[in-house]
Amino acid sequence: MTSVLVLMSLSHWTHDEALDDTALYFWGAYGMGWLAWQVRQLRYPAVAWGLLLVSGLICFALDARFRAMTAWASAAMLMVAPSAWLQGAAPQVAGLASIWRSAVSWLSRISYAVFVLHFGVCLLVNFAVHRWWPHGVAMNAAGMLAALLLSLLAGHVLHRCTEQGAASWKRWIAWAGAFMASTGMAIALAA
């Protein structure tokens, strides 16, 4: 079923601008990632590899679009990545490599929370900069940096409050509330 939804999204739904703000539009990219994870769980992934290859070729034949091919290529890379890369366990490294590895590890842990909140945060910063410094190039550049840093901070806080620890209704309500609040803020500012 997931494969059918991925193909429908990549081949049809992403072509309809009216669906740009629905889950149907994004199902292809996220579904490809989920399918890649599923393939890694299989004992004999050759059939799944074949299905992924065929789905990529079908989408490419229907409409050679960068977005669909990026989703397909990312899923393929996730399928072939060494398990150690996906486990978080890695050999200890020193110096700049250690700092880089720690930063990437932190960003990967909070990435979904950042994704959930970044649009609302970016709209809020854009609203403030546009209102008080509409023509200031330096302030617009500072606003872009502030939007990035505030998105990371908000994602870190949301990750700590909701993703760490055991699943519970309280955590689910916190996630749903944060998502609805950021979406509502984005809608209010866009109006």
Protein backbone atom coordinates (compact mmCIF):
# COMPACT_ATOMS: atom_id res chain seq x y z
CA MET A 1 0.00 0.00 0.00
CA THR A 2 2.80 2.40 0.89
CA SER A 3 4.46 1.82 -2.47
CA VAL A 4 1.24 2.69 -4.28
CA LEU A 5 0.86 5.92 -2.28
CA VAL A 6 4.50 6.85 -2.98
CA LEU A 7 4.01 6.30 -6.71
CA MET A 8 0.73 8.26 -6.72
CA SER A 9 2.35 11.14 -4.88
CA LEU A 10 5.46 11.32 -7.05
CA SER A 11 3.64 10.78 -10.33
CA HIS A 12 0.36 12.68 -9.84
CA TRP A 13 -0.25 14.54 -6.59
CA THR A 14 2.94 16.60 -6.72
CA HIS A 15 1.76 18.01 -10.05
CA ASP A 16 -1.38 19.53 -8.53
CA GLU A 17 -0.67 22.93 -6.99
CA ALA A 18 -3.88 22.70 -4.95
CA LEU A 19 -2.26 19.82 -3.03
CA ASP A 20 1.00 21.66 -2.23
CA ASP A 21 0.03 22.15 1.40
CA THR A 22 -1.35 18.67 2.02
CA ALA A 23 0.24 15.43 3.17
CA LEU A 24 -0.48 13.91 -0.24
CA TYR A 25 2.07 16.22 -1.79
CA PHE A 26 4.83 15.17 0.61
CA TRP A 27 3.94 11.49 0.80
CA GLY A 28 6.32 10.58 -2.05
CA ALA A 29 9.48 11.90 -0.42
CA TYR A 30 8.66 10.69 3.08
CA GLY A 31 7.31 7.39 1.79
CA MET A 32 10.54 6.76 -0.12
CA GLY A 33 12.51 7.21 3.11
CA TRP A 34 10.16 4.85 4.94
CA LEU A 35 10.45 2.29 2.17
CA ALA A 36 14.24 2.52 2.32
CA TRP A 37 14.10 1.73 6.04
CA GLN A 38 11.76 -1.18 5.35
CA VAL A 39 14.15 -2.58 2.74
CA ARG A 40 16.99 -2.50 5.26
CA GLN A 41 14.90 -4.75 7.53
CA LEU A 42 14.43 -7.40 4.83
CA ARG A 43 16.51 -10.54 4.71
CA TYR A 44 16.56 -10.58 0.89
CA PRO A 45 16.44 -6.97 -0.32
CA ALA A 46 16.99 -7.73 -4.03
CA VAL A 47 13.25 -7.65 -4.82
CA ALA A 48 12.84 -4.41 -2.90
CA TRP A 49 15.80 -2.93 -4.77
CA GLY A 50 14.11 -3.89 -8.01
CA LEU A 51 10.86 -2.25 -6.91
CA LEU A 52 12.69 0.93 -5.92
CA LEU A 53 14.51 1.00 -9.25
CA VAL A 54 11.26 0.46 -11.18
CA SER A 55 9.42 3.12 -9.16
CA GLY A 56 12.22 5.62 -9.83
CA LEU A 57 12.17 4.83 -13.54
CA ILE A 58 8.37 5.15 -13.70
CA CYS A 59 8.44 8.54 -12.01
CA PHE A 60 11.29 9.67 -14.23
CA ALA A 61 9.46 8.49 -17.36
CA LEU A 62 6.25 10.27 -16.35
CA ASP A 63 7.98 13.53 -15.56
CA ALA A 64 11.70 14.00 -15.05
CA ARG A 65 11.54 16.30 -12.07
CA PHE A 66 14.36 17.13 -9.71
CA ARG A 67 12.23 16.65 -6.57
CA ALA A 68 11.12 13.12 -7.42
CA MET A 69 14.58 12.05 -8.49
CA THR A 70 16.10 13.53 -5.33
CA ALA A 71 13.67 11.53 -3.18
CA TRP A 72 14.45 8.40 -5.14
CA ALA A 73 18.24 8.90 -4.98
CA SER A 74 18.12 9.68 -1.24
CA ALA A 75 16.15 6.49 -0.59
CA ALA A 76 18.64 4.49 -2.62
CA MET A 77 21.54 5.95 -0.61
CA LEU A 78 19.78 5.15 2.66
CA MET A 79 19.32 1.56 1.51
CA VAL A 80 23.02 1.02 0.78
CA ALA A 81 24.51 3.03 3.66
CA PRO A 82 26.55 0.91 6.07
CA SER A 83 24.61 0.00 9.21
CA ALA A 84 27.18 1.74 11.40
CA TRP A 85 26.24 5.05 9.82
CA LEU A 86 22.64 4.64 10.88
CA GLN A 87 23.25 3.34 14.40
CA GLY A 88 24.86 6.44 15.83
CA ALA A 89 27.74 4.36 17.19
CA ALA A 90 31.01 5.45 15.68
CA PRO A 91 34.68 5.29 16.50
CA GLN A 92 35.95 8.11 18.64
CA VAL A 93 37.68 10.89 16.74
CA ALA A 94 39.61 13.87 18.03
CA GLY A 95 39.85 17.55 17.24
CA LEU A 96 37.80 19.26 14.56
CA ALA A 97 36.44 15.92 13.33
CA SER A 98 34.98 15.30 16.79
CA ILE A 99 33.26 18.69 16.82
CA TRP A 100 31.91 18.13 13.31
CA ARG A 101 30.65 14.64 14.20
CA SER A 102 28.96 15.93 17.37
CA ALA A 103 27.29 18.77 15.46
CA VAL A 104 25.99 16.46 12.74
CA SER A 105 24.78 13.98 15.36
CA TRP A 106 22.92 16.73 17.25
CA LEU A 107 21.37 18.09 14.05
CA SER A 108 20.24 14.62 13.00
CA ARG A 109 18.56 14.03 16.37
CA ILE A 110 16.60 17.30 16.28
CA SER A 111 15.96 17.40 12.52
CA TYR A 112 12.32 16.32 12.62
CA ALA A 113 11.46 18.76 15.39
CA VAL A 114 13.18 21.55 13.43
CA PHE A 115 11.21 20.53 10.34
CA VAL A 116 7.93 20.74 12.26
CA LEU A 117 8.63 24.26 13.57
CA HIS A 118 10.93 26.00 11.11
CA PHE A 119 8.26 27.38 8.77
CA GLY A 120 6.44 29.21 11.56
CA VAL A 121 9.70 30.48 13.04
CA CYS A 122 10.89 31.72 9.65
CA LEU A 123 7.59 33.50 9.02
CA LEU A 124 7.74 35.17 12.42
CA VAL A 125 11.29 36.43 11.86
CA ASN A 126 10.41 37.52 8.32
CA PHE A 127 7.40 39.42 9.65
CA ALA A 128 9.51 41.25 12.25
CA VAL A 129 12.33 42.13 9.86
CA HIS A 130 9.94 43.27 7.13
CA ARG A 131 7.92 45.37 9.57
CA TRP A 132 10.82 47.23 11.22
CA TRP A 133 13.64 47.08 8.64
CA PRO A 134 12.03 46.52 5.24
CA HIS A 135 14.96 47.95 3.25
CA GLY A 136 17.91 47.13 5.49
CA VAL A 137 20.12 44.62 3.68
CA ALA A 138 22.22 43.94 6.78
CA MET A 139 19.11 43.44 8.91
CA ASN A 140 17.63 41.07 6.33
CA ALA A 141 20.85 39.02 6.41
CA ALA A 142 20.76 39.08 10.22
CA GLY A 143 17.12 38.01 10.03
CA MET A 144 18.03 34.96 7.94
CA LEU A 145 20.69 33.98 10.47
CA ALA A 146 18.25 34.60 13.34
CA ALA A 147 15.61 32.44 11.63
CA LEU A 148 18.11 29.60 11.29
CA LEU A 149 19.33 29.82 14.88
CA LEU A 150 15.83 30.23 16.34
CA SER A 151 14.59 27.25 14.28
CA LEU A 152 17.42 25.13 15.67
CA LEU A 153 16.72 26.31 19.20
CA ALA A 154 12.98 25.68 18.90
CA GLY A 155 13.66 22.26 17.39
CA HIS A 156 16.07 21.41 20.22
CA VAL A 157 13.50 22.38 22.86
CA LEU A 158 10.69 20.49 21.13
CA HIS A 159 12.93 17.43 20.73
CA ARG A 160 13.83 17.43 24.42
CA CYS A 161 10.25 17.95 25.53
CA THR A 162 8.60 15.41 23.28
CA GLU A 163 10.95 12.92 21.64
CA GLN A 164 13.15 11.96 24.56
CA GLY A 165 11.71 9.44 26.97
CA ALA A 166 8.87 6.97 26.68
CA ALA A 167 5.92 7.64 24.38
CA SER A 168 2.87 8.99 26.16
CA TRP A 169 -0.32 10.90 25.46
CA LYS A 170 1.23 13.95 27.11
CA ARG A 171 4.13 13.90 24.64
CA TRP A 172 1.78 13.35 21.71
CA ILE A 173 -0.37 16.32 22.80
CA ALA A 174 2.79 18.46 23.14
CA TRP A 175 3.84 17.52 19.57
CA ALA A 176 0.38 18.16 18.17
CA GLY A 177 0.14 21.45 20.08
CA ALA A 178 3.53 22.67 18.86
CA PHE A 179 2.65 21.77 15.29
CA MET A 180 -0.77 23.45 15.46
CA ALA A 181 0.71 26.54 17.14
CA SER A 182 3.45 26.96 14.54
CA THR A 183 0.98 26.36 11.71
CA GLY A 184 -1.56 28.76 13.21
CA MET A 185 1.12 31.40 13.64
CA ALA A 186 2.21 30.95 10.04
CA ILE A 187 -1.38 31.28 8.80
CA ALA A 188 -2.03 34.34 10.97
CA LEU A 189 1.12 36.08 9.77
CA ALA A 190 0.45 35.21 6.14
CA ALA A 191 -3.04 36.74 6.26
